[in-house]
Structure formats: C-alpha cells, structure tokens
Amino acid sequence: MTKRTKKKLKPIPHFATDEEFGEFWMTHDTTDYIDWSKAQKVSFPNLKPSTETISLRLPLGMLDELRALANQRDVPYQSLLKVYLADRIAEEKQQYRTRRRKPAGAHALQSLIDELELLRDLRAAEEQVAAGRVYSQAVASKKLRKKVGV
C-alpha cells in the first residue's frame, strides 16, 4: 500500500473587502489551501432562525379559538399560528406555481371541456332510455351522477 504524499498547502491570503474574498474563492480550489481530511463536523444546537416581532390585530373570537386549538395540542398559540401561516404560504406558492404553468384561459377552457363532456354523457343517457337499454330516466340519471361523482 502506498502512503498518500502530504501536499504542501498554500497560505490563505488576507483580503481587504468581502468582494475580494468572494472573488478569490470563486476562482481558486480550496484543496490547495485547506486540509479537508482534518475537518470536523460541527453543530450549532442553539442557532435559531432570525425572527422579527410584529403587531397583528386579530378578532378576539379568532384569538380565543386559536388558543383553544393550541391548548388541545399542548403547544403555545403563537407557535401554532406560525405553523398555520407556513402551511398556508406553502399552499399558496404551490397553487401559484400550478397556475403559472397553465396558459391564460386554460381554466376556462377546461371548464368548457368538462361541460361538453357532461352534455355528451346526458345525450348518451337519453339515447339509452329511448333505445330501451335503460328502464327509466331516473336509472340513467343515477348512472350519470355516479360517473360525475355527484
């Protein structure tokens, strides 16, 4: 087995500005300056994301309901409110992404297609009644409602 040859590391230069620092590391390989085999995993257990205090006026009834829900879950009501806000923001972002993918008028076009398909199915049900394949209009309507999910 061959031993790895130790590579002589270059000294890290001093920088006058953050821009110089960033430019240097964007154009140089860190392995020429740092021995990553000696790196240690570090954790910052007390590091919290930065927060900002805001004033939010809520109707008293809504605040009471929020407190009751938080009490049922045994969490502080402000934490529960943050969870609710985060969920709603994620949902809105997802809906926005979905809407952006569809060309303008796609929703209206889909509604029109759905309506036309429903009319086609109604006509088919009427033809089945007229041809005697279905005993009554009520049976045809029941089958159609089942298909549409109503």
N, C-alpha and C. Protein backbone atom coordinates (compact mmCIF):
# COMPACT_ATOMS: atom_id res chain seq x y z
N MET A 1 0.83 -1.18 0.00
CA MET A 1 0.00 0.00 0.00
C MET A 1 0.88 1.25 0.00
N THR A 2 0.50 2.20 -0.79
CA THR A 2 1.29 3.42 -0.84
C THR A 2 0.69 4.45 0.10
N LYS A 3 1.55 5.19 0.71
CA LYS A 3 1.11 6.26 1.60
C LYS A 3 0.83 7.50 0.76
N ARG A 4 -0.20 8.21 1.17
CA ARG A 4 -0.51 9.45 0.47
C ARG A 4 0.59 10.47 0.76
N THR A 5 1.01 11.09 -0.27
CA THR A 5 2.03 12.12 -0.07
C THR A 5 1.34 13.38 0.44
N LYS A 6 1.93 13.97 1.46
CA LYS A 6 1.34 15.19 2.01
C LYS A 6 1.64 16.35 1.07
N LYS A 7 0.61 17.02 0.70
CA LYS A 7 0.72 18.14 -0.20
C LYS A 7 0.95 19.40 0.63
N LYS A 8 1.90 20.20 0.25
CA LYS A 8 2.17 21.44 0.97
C LYS A 8 1.06 22.43 0.62
N LEU A 9 0.41 22.92 1.66
CA LEU A 9 -0.71 23.84 1.46
C LEU A 9 -0.21 25.27 1.30
N LYS A 10 -0.91 25.99 0.48
CA LYS A 10 -0.58 27.40 0.27
C LYS A 10 -1.21 28.22 1.40
N PRO A 11 -0.58 29.31 1.79
CA PRO A 11 -1.19 30.16 2.83
C PRO A 11 -2.39 30.91 2.25
N ILE A 12 -3.42 31.06 3.09
CA ILE A 12 -4.61 31.80 2.66
C ILE A 12 -4.28 33.29 2.73
N PRO A 13 -4.48 34.01 1.64
CA PRO A 13 -4.15 35.45 1.65
C PRO A 13 -5.15 36.24 2.49
N HIS A 14 -4.77 37.46 2.84
CA HIS A 14 -5.65 38.36 3.56
C HIS A 14 -6.39 39.22 2.53
N PHE A 15 -7.62 39.53 2.83
CA PHE A 15 -8.44 40.27 1.88
C PHE A 15 -8.89 41.59 2.49
N ALA A 16 -8.92 42.63 1.71
CA ALA A 16 -9.33 43.95 2.18
C ALA A 16 -10.86 44.07 2.23
N THR A 17 -11.54 43.38 1.29
CA THR A 17 -13.00 43.50 1.24
C THR A 17 -13.63 42.12 1.09
N ASP A 18 -14.92 42.06 1.37
CA ASP A 18 -15.67 40.82 1.18
C ASP A 18 -15.71 40.44 -0.30
N GLU A 19 -15.74 41.44 -1.16
CA GLU A 19 -15.79 41.17 -2.60
C GLU A 19 -14.51 40.45 -3.05
N GLU A 20 -13.37 40.90 -2.54
CA GLU A 20 -12.10 40.24 -2.87
C GLU A 20 -12.11 38.80 -2.37
N PHE A 21 -12.61 38.62 -1.15
CA PHE A 21 -12.71 37.29 -0.55
C PHE A 21 -13.55 36.36 -1.43
N GLY A 22 -14.73 36.85 -1.81
CA GLY A 22 -15.63 36.05 -2.64
C GLY A 22 -15.03 35.74 -4.00
N GLU A 23 -14.42 36.74 -4.63
CA GLU A 23 -13.82 36.55 -5.95
C GLU A 23 -12.69 35.53 -5.90
N PHE A 24 -11.89 35.59 -4.83
CA PHE A 24 -10.78 34.65 -4.69
C PHE A 24 -11.29 33.21 -4.63
N TRP A 25 -12.27 32.96 -3.76
CA TRP A 25 -12.74 31.57 -3.58
C TRP A 25 -13.58 31.09 -4.76
N MET A 26 -14.11 32.00 -5.55
CA MET A 26 -14.84 31.60 -6.76
C MET A 26 -13.87 31.13 -7.85
N THR A 27 -12.62 31.57 -7.75
CA THR A 27 -11.65 31.25 -8.81
C THR A 27 -10.54 30.31 -8.34
N HIS A 28 -10.52 29.90 -7.08
CA HIS A 28 -9.48 29.02 -6.56
C HIS A 28 -10.07 27.78 -5.90
N ASP A 29 -9.34 26.69 -5.93
CA ASP A 29 -9.75 25.43 -5.32
C ASP A 29 -9.32 25.42 -3.86
N THR A 30 -10.25 25.11 -2.95
CA THR A 30 -9.94 25.13 -1.52
C THR A 30 -8.95 24.04 -1.12
N THR A 31 -8.85 22.96 -1.89
CA THR A 31 -7.93 21.87 -1.52
C THR A 31 -6.47 22.30 -1.61
N ASP A 32 -6.18 23.39 -2.31
CA ASP A 32 -4.82 23.92 -2.35
C ASP A 32 -4.47 24.68 -1.07
N TYR A 33 -5.50 25.06 -0.29
CA TYR A 33 -5.30 25.91 0.87
C TYR A 33 -5.73 25.27 2.20
N ILE A 34 -6.61 24.27 2.14
CA ILE A 34 -7.17 23.67 3.36
C ILE A 34 -7.04 22.16 3.30
N ASP A 35 -6.64 21.54 4.41
CA ASP A 35 -6.56 20.08 4.50
C ASP A 35 -7.91 19.58 5.02
N TRP A 36 -8.76 19.18 4.11
CA TRP A 36 -10.12 18.77 4.47
C TRP A 36 -10.16 17.44 5.22
N SER A 37 -9.08 16.67 5.22
CA SER A 37 -9.07 15.40 5.95
C SER A 37 -9.09 15.63 7.47
N LYS A 38 -8.73 16.83 7.89
CA LYS A 38 -8.74 17.17 9.31
C LYS A 38 -10.02 17.90 9.72
N ALA A 39 -10.93 18.04 8.81
CA ALA A 39 -12.18 18.76 9.11
C ALA A 39 -13.01 17.97 10.11
N GLN A 40 -13.70 18.69 10.97
CA GLN A 40 -14.57 18.07 11.96
C GLN A 40 -15.99 18.56 11.75
N LYS A 41 -16.93 17.67 12.03
CA LYS A 41 -18.33 18.04 11.92
C LYS A 41 -18.69 18.93 13.10
N VAL A 42 -19.38 20.02 12.82
CA VAL A 42 -19.76 20.98 13.85
C VAL A 42 -21.27 21.13 13.84
N SER A 43 -21.85 21.23 15.03
CA SER A 43 -23.28 21.51 15.09
C SER A 43 -23.49 22.75 15.94
N PHE A 44 -24.53 23.47 15.62
CA PHE A 44 -24.87 24.69 16.35
C PHE A 44 -26.28 24.51 16.92
N PRO A 45 -26.40 23.80 18.06
CA PRO A 45 -27.72 23.46 18.58
C PRO A 45 -28.54 24.67 19.02
N ASN A 46 -27.91 25.75 19.40
CA ASN A 46 -28.65 26.91 19.89
C ASN A 46 -28.91 27.95 18.81
N LEU A 47 -28.55 27.63 17.59
CA LEU A 47 -28.74 28.57 16.50
C LEU A 47 -30.21 28.57 16.10
N LYS A 48 -30.82 29.73 16.15
CA LYS A 48 -32.23 29.84 15.81
C LYS A 48 -32.37 30.74 14.59
N PRO A 49 -33.37 30.46 13.75
CA PRO A 49 -33.57 31.35 12.61
C PRO A 49 -33.96 32.74 13.11
N SER A 50 -33.55 33.74 12.40
CA SER A 50 -33.86 35.10 12.84
C SER A 50 -35.36 35.33 12.72
N THR A 51 -35.89 36.03 13.69
CA THR A 51 -37.32 36.34 13.70
C THR A 51 -37.48 37.83 13.92
N GLU A 52 -38.64 38.32 13.58
CA GLU A 52 -38.94 39.73 13.79
C GLU A 52 -40.29 39.82 14.47
N THR A 53 -40.37 40.65 15.46
CA THR A 53 -41.61 40.85 16.18
C THR A 53 -42.51 41.77 15.37
N ILE A 54 -43.78 41.37 15.25
CA ILE A 54 -44.76 42.20 14.55
C ILE A 54 -45.98 42.38 15.45
N SER A 55 -46.76 43.36 15.14
CA SER A 55 -48.02 43.58 15.84
C SER A 55 -49.13 43.15 14.89
N LEU A 56 -49.98 42.26 15.35
CA LEU A 56 -51.04 41.72 14.50
C LEU A 56 -52.36 41.81 15.25
N ARG A 57 -53.31 42.50 14.70
CA ARG A 57 -54.61 42.63 15.34
C ARG A 57 -55.52 41.52 14.83
N LEU A 58 -56.04 40.72 15.76
CA LEU A 58 -56.94 39.63 15.43
C LEU A 58 -58.26 39.82 16.17
N PRO A 59 -59.36 39.41 15.57
CA PRO A 59 -60.62 39.43 16.31
C PRO A 59 -60.50 38.55 17.55
N LEU A 60 -61.11 38.98 18.64
CA LEU A 60 -60.98 38.27 19.90
C LEU A 60 -61.46 36.83 19.79
N GLY A 61 -62.54 36.62 19.06
CA GLY A 61 -63.06 35.25 18.89
C GLY A 61 -62.05 34.34 18.18
N MET A 62 -61.39 34.88 17.16
CA MET A 62 -60.39 34.10 16.42
C MET A 62 -59.21 33.77 17.33
N LEU A 63 -58.79 34.74 18.13
CA LEU A 63 -57.68 34.51 19.04
C LEU A 63 -58.05 33.46 20.10
N ASP A 64 -59.28 33.53 20.59
CA ASP A 64 -59.73 32.53 21.56
C ASP A 64 -59.74 31.12 20.95
N GLU A 65 -60.22 31.02 19.71
CA GLU A 65 -60.23 29.72 19.04
C GLU A 65 -58.82 29.19 18.81
N LEU A 66 -57.92 30.09 18.44
CA LEU A 66 -56.53 29.71 18.23
C LEU A 66 -55.91 29.21 19.53
N ARG A 67 -56.17 29.92 20.62
CA ARG A 67 -55.65 29.49 21.93
C ARG A 67 -56.22 28.14 22.34
N ALA A 68 -57.51 27.93 22.07
CA ALA A 68 -58.13 26.65 22.43
C ALA A 68 -57.51 25.51 21.61
N LEU A 69 -57.31 25.73 20.31
CA LEU A 69 -56.68 24.70 19.47
C LEU A 69 -55.26 24.41 19.93
N ALA A 70 -54.53 25.47 20.27
CA ALA A 70 -53.16 25.29 20.74
C ALA A 70 -53.15 24.52 22.07
N ASN A 71 -54.10 24.83 22.93
CA ASN A 71 -54.20 24.14 24.21
C ASN A 71 -54.48 22.65 24.00
N GLN A 72 -55.33 22.30 23.04
CA GLN A 72 -55.62 20.90 22.74
C GLN A 72 -54.37 20.17 22.27
N ARG A 73 -53.51 20.87 21.56
CA ARG A 73 -52.29 20.26 21.02
C ARG A 73 -51.09 20.43 21.98
N ASP A 74 -51.33 21.14 23.08
CA ASP A 74 -50.30 21.38 24.09
C ASP A 74 -49.08 22.09 23.50
N VAL A 75 -49.37 23.14 22.72
CA VAL A 75 -48.31 23.97 22.14
C VAL A 75 -48.69 25.44 22.38
N PRO A 76 -47.71 26.32 22.38
CA PRO A 76 -48.04 27.75 22.50
C PRO A 76 -48.84 28.22 21.28
N TYR A 77 -49.79 29.12 21.53
CA TYR A 77 -50.65 29.55 20.42
C TYR A 77 -49.87 30.28 19.33
N GLN A 78 -48.81 31.00 19.68
CA GLN A 78 -48.03 31.69 18.66
C GLN A 78 -47.29 30.70 17.77
N SER A 79 -46.84 29.60 18.36
CA SER A 79 -46.18 28.56 17.55
C SER A 79 -47.17 27.92 16.59
N LEU A 80 -48.39 27.66 17.09
CA LEU A 80 -49.42 27.08 16.22
C LEU A 80 -49.76 28.04 15.09
N LEU A 81 -49.84 29.32 15.40
CA LEU A 81 -50.13 30.32 14.37
C LEU A 81 -49.04 30.31 13.31
N LYS A 82 -47.77 30.19 13.71
CA LYS A 82 -46.66 30.13 12.74
C LYS A 82 -46.77 28.90 11.86
N VAL A 83 -47.18 27.77 12.44
CA VAL A 83 -47.35 26.54 11.65
C VAL A 83 -48.46 26.74 10.63
N TYR A 84 -49.59 27.32 11.07
CA TYR A 84 -50.71 27.57 10.16
C TYR A 84 -50.29 28.51 9.03
N LEU A 85 -49.57 29.57 9.37
CA LEU A 85 -49.11 30.51 8.34
C LEU A 85 -48.15 29.84 7.35
N ALA A 86 -47.22 29.04 7.87
CA ALA A 86 -46.26 28.36 7.00
C ALA A 86 -46.98 27.41 6.05
N ASP A 87 -47.97 26.67 6.57
CA ASP A 87 -48.74 25.75 5.72
C ASP A 87 -49.48 26.50 4.63
N ARG A 88 -50.12 27.59 5.01
CA ARG A 88 -50.90 28.35 4.04
C ARG A 88 -50.00 28.99 2.97
N ILE A 89 -48.84 29.50 3.40
CA ILE A 89 -47.89 30.09 2.44
C ILE A 89 -47.41 29.04 1.45
N ALA A 90 -47.09 27.85 1.96
CA ALA A 90 -46.64 26.76 1.07
C ALA A 90 -47.75 26.39 0.09
N GLU A 91 -48.99 26.34 0.58
CA GLU A 91 -50.13 26.01 -0.29
C GLU A 91 -50.31 27.07 -1.37
N GLU A 92 -50.23 28.33 -0.99
CA GLU A 92 -50.38 29.43 -1.96
C GLU A 92 -49.27 29.38 -3.01
N LYS A 93 -48.04 29.12 -2.56
CA LYS A 93 -46.92 29.04 -3.51
C LYS A 93 -47.13 27.91 -4.50
N GLN A 94 -47.62 26.77 -4.00
CA GLN A 94 -47.88 25.63 -4.88
C GLN A 94 -48.97 25.97 -5.89
N GLN A 95 -50.05 26.60 -5.43
CA GLN A 95 -51.13 26.99 -6.33
C GLN A 95 -50.63 28.00 -7.36
N TYR A 96 -49.78 28.92 -6.95
CA TYR A 96 -49.23 29.91 -7.87
C TYR A 96 -48.39 29.24 -8.94
N ARG A 97 -47.55 28.27 -8.51
CA ARG A 97 -46.72 27.55 -9.48
C ARG A 97 -47.60 26.78 -10.47
N THR A 98 -48.66 26.17 -9.98
CA THR A 98 -49.56 25.40 -10.83
C THR A 98 -50.27 26.32 -11.81
N ARG A 99 -50.73 27.49 -11.33
CA ARG A 99 -51.42 28.44 -12.21
C ARG A 99 -50.48 29.00 -13.27
N ARG A 100 -49.22 29.22 -12.90
CA ARG A 100 -48.27 29.80 -13.85
C ARG A 100 -47.97 28.85 -14.99
N ARG A 101 -48.02 27.54 -14.72
CA ARG A 101 -47.73 26.57 -15.77
C ARG A 101 -48.82 26.52 -16.83
N LYS A 102 -50.06 26.84 -16.43
CA LYS A 102 -51.16 26.80 -17.37
C LYS A 102 -51.22 28.10 -18.15
N PRO A 103 -51.42 28.02 -19.45
CA PRO A 103 -51.56 29.26 -20.22
C PRO A 103 -52.84 29.99 -19.82
N ALA A 104 -52.88 31.28 -20.10
CA ALA A 104 -54.05 32.09 -19.76
C ALA A 104 -55.28 31.48 -20.41
N GLY A 105 -56.35 31.40 -19.65
CA GLY A 105 -57.60 30.85 -20.16
C GLY A 105 -57.70 29.34 -20.08
N ALA A 106 -56.67 28.68 -19.59
CA ALA A 106 -56.68 27.22 -19.52
C ALA A 106 -57.76 26.73 -18.58
N HIS A 107 -57.98 27.45 -17.47
CA HIS A 107 -59.01 27.04 -16.51
C HIS A 107 -60.40 27.14 -17.15
N ALA A 108 -60.65 28.24 -17.84
CA ALA A 108 -61.93 28.42 -18.51
C ALA A 108 -62.12 27.37 -19.60
N LEU A 109 -61.05 27.07 -20.30
CA LEU A 109 -61.12 26.06 -21.35
C LEU A 109 -61.43 24.69 -20.77
N GLN A 110 -60.80 24.35 -19.64
CA GLN A 110 -61.06 23.07 -19.00
C GLN A 110 -62.51 22.99 -18.53
N SER A 111 -63.04 24.08 -17.99
CA SER A 111 -64.44 24.11 -17.56
C SER A 111 -65.37 23.86 -18.75
N LEU A 112 -65.05 24.46 -19.88
CA LEU A 112 -65.86 24.28 -21.08
C LEU A 112 -65.81 22.82 -21.55
N ILE A 113 -64.62 22.23 -21.52
CA ILE A 113 -64.47 20.82 -21.91
C ILE A 113 -65.27 19.93 -20.98
N ASP A 114 -65.20 20.19 -19.66
CA ASP A 114 -65.96 19.40 -18.70
C ASP A 114 -67.46 19.50 -18.96
N GLU A 115 -67.93 20.71 -19.29
CA GLU A 115 -69.35 20.92 -19.57
C GLU A 115 -69.77 20.16 -20.83
N LEU A 116 -68.94 20.21 -21.86
CA LEU A 116 -69.25 19.50 -23.10
C LEU A 116 -69.29 17.98 -22.87
N GLU A 117 -68.36 17.49 -22.06
CA GLU A 117 -68.37 16.05 -21.75
C GLU A 117 -69.63 15.66 -20.99
N LEU A 118 -70.07 16.52 -20.08
CA LEU A 118 -71.30 16.24 -19.33
C LEU A 118 -72.51 16.23 -20.26
N LEU A 119 -72.57 17.18 -21.19
CA LEU A 119 -73.67 17.20 -22.17
C LEU A 119 -73.65 15.95 -23.04
N ARG A 120 -72.45 15.51 -23.44
CA ARG A 120 -72.33 14.29 -24.23
C ARG A 120 -72.87 13.09 -23.45
N ASP A 121 -72.51 13.03 -22.16
CA ASP A 121 -72.98 11.92 -21.33
C ASP A 121 -74.49 11.96 -21.11
N LEU A 122 -75.05 13.17 -20.98
CA LEU A 122 -76.51 13.30 -20.84
C LEU A 122 -77.21 12.81 -22.10
N ARG A 123 -76.66 13.19 -23.24
CA ARG A 123 -77.26 12.76 -24.51
C ARG A 123 -77.19 11.23 -24.65
N ALA A 124 -76.06 10.65 -24.24
CA ALA A 124 -75.92 9.20 -24.30
C ALA A 124 -76.94 8.53 -23.38
N ALA A 125 -77.19 9.12 -22.20
CA ALA A 125 -78.17 8.56 -21.27
C ALA A 125 -79.58 8.63 -21.87
N GLU A 126 -79.90 9.75 -22.53
CA GLU A 126 -81.22 9.89 -23.18
C GLU A 126 -81.38 8.85 -24.29
N GLU A 127 -80.30 8.61 -25.04
CA GLU A 127 -80.36 7.62 -26.12
C GLU A 127 -80.57 6.22 -25.56
N GLN A 128 -79.96 5.93 -24.40
CA GLN A 128 -80.14 4.62 -23.78
C GLN A 128 -81.59 4.42 -23.35
N VAL A 129 -82.20 5.49 -22.82
CA VAL A 129 -83.61 5.40 -22.40
C VAL A 129 -84.48 5.20 -23.63
N ALA A 130 -84.21 5.97 -24.68
CA ALA A 130 -85.02 5.88 -25.91
C ALA A 130 -84.87 4.51 -26.57
N ALA A 131 -83.70 3.91 -26.48
CA ALA A 131 -83.46 2.62 -27.12
C ALA A 131 -83.95 1.47 -26.25
N GLY A 132 -84.37 1.78 -25.01
CA GLY A 132 -84.88 0.73 -24.14
C GLY A 132 -83.79 -0.04 -23.41
N ARG A 133 -82.55 0.40 -23.48
CA ARG A 133 -81.47 -0.30 -22.78
C ARG A 133 -81.47 0.02 -21.29
N VAL A 134 -82.11 1.13 -20.93
CA VAL A 134 -82.25 1.51 -19.53
C VAL A 134 -83.73 1.69 -19.28
N TYR A 135 -84.19 1.25 -18.12
CA TYR A 135 -85.62 1.23 -17.85
C TYR A 135 -86.26 2.59 -17.71
N SER A 136 -85.51 3.57 -17.16
CA SER A 136 -86.12 4.88 -16.97
C SER A 136 -85.07 5.97 -16.98
N GLN A 137 -85.57 7.18 -17.05
CA GLN A 137 -84.69 8.35 -16.98
C GLN A 137 -84.00 8.41 -15.62
N ALA A 138 -84.68 7.98 -14.57
CA ALA A 138 -84.12 8.01 -13.22
C ALA A 138 -82.89 7.10 -13.13
N VAL A 139 -82.96 5.91 -13.74
CA VAL A 139 -81.82 4.99 -13.73
C VAL A 139 -80.65 5.60 -14.50
N ALA A 140 -80.95 6.22 -15.64
CA ALA A 140 -79.90 6.86 -16.43
C ALA A 140 -79.28 8.02 -15.66
N SER A 141 -80.10 8.80 -14.97
CA SER A 141 -79.59 9.91 -14.17
C SER A 141 -78.71 9.40 -13.04
N LYS A 142 -79.13 8.30 -12.41
CA LYS A 142 -78.36 7.72 -11.31
C LYS A 142 -76.98 7.28 -11.81
N LYS A 143 -76.93 6.61 -12.97
CA LYS A 143 -75.66 6.18 -13.54
C LYS A 143 -74.78 7.38 -13.87
N LEU A 144 -75.38 8.43 -14.42
CA LEU A 144 -74.65 9.62 -14.79
C LEU A 144 -74.09 10.32 -13.55
N ARG A 145 -74.91 10.45 -12.50
CA ARG A 145 -74.44 11.07 -11.25
C ARG A 145 -73.28 10.28 -10.66
N LYS A 146 -73.37 8.96 -10.74
CA LYS A 146 -72.29 8.12 -10.21
C LYS A 146 -71.00 8.37 -11.00
N LYS A 147 -71.13 8.52 -12.31
CA LYS A 147 -69.96 8.76 -13.16
C LYS A 147 -69.34 10.13 -12.88
N VAL A 148 -70.19 11.15 -12.69
CA VAL A 148 -69.71 12.51 -12.45
C VAL A 148 -69.23 12.66 -11.02
N GLY A 149 -69.73 11.86 -10.11
CA GLY A 149 -69.31 11.95 -8.71
C GLY A 149 -70.17 12.87 -7.88
N VAL A 150 -71.45 13.01 -8.27
CA VAL A 150 -72.38 13.87 -7.53
C VAL A 150 -73.24 13.03 -6.61
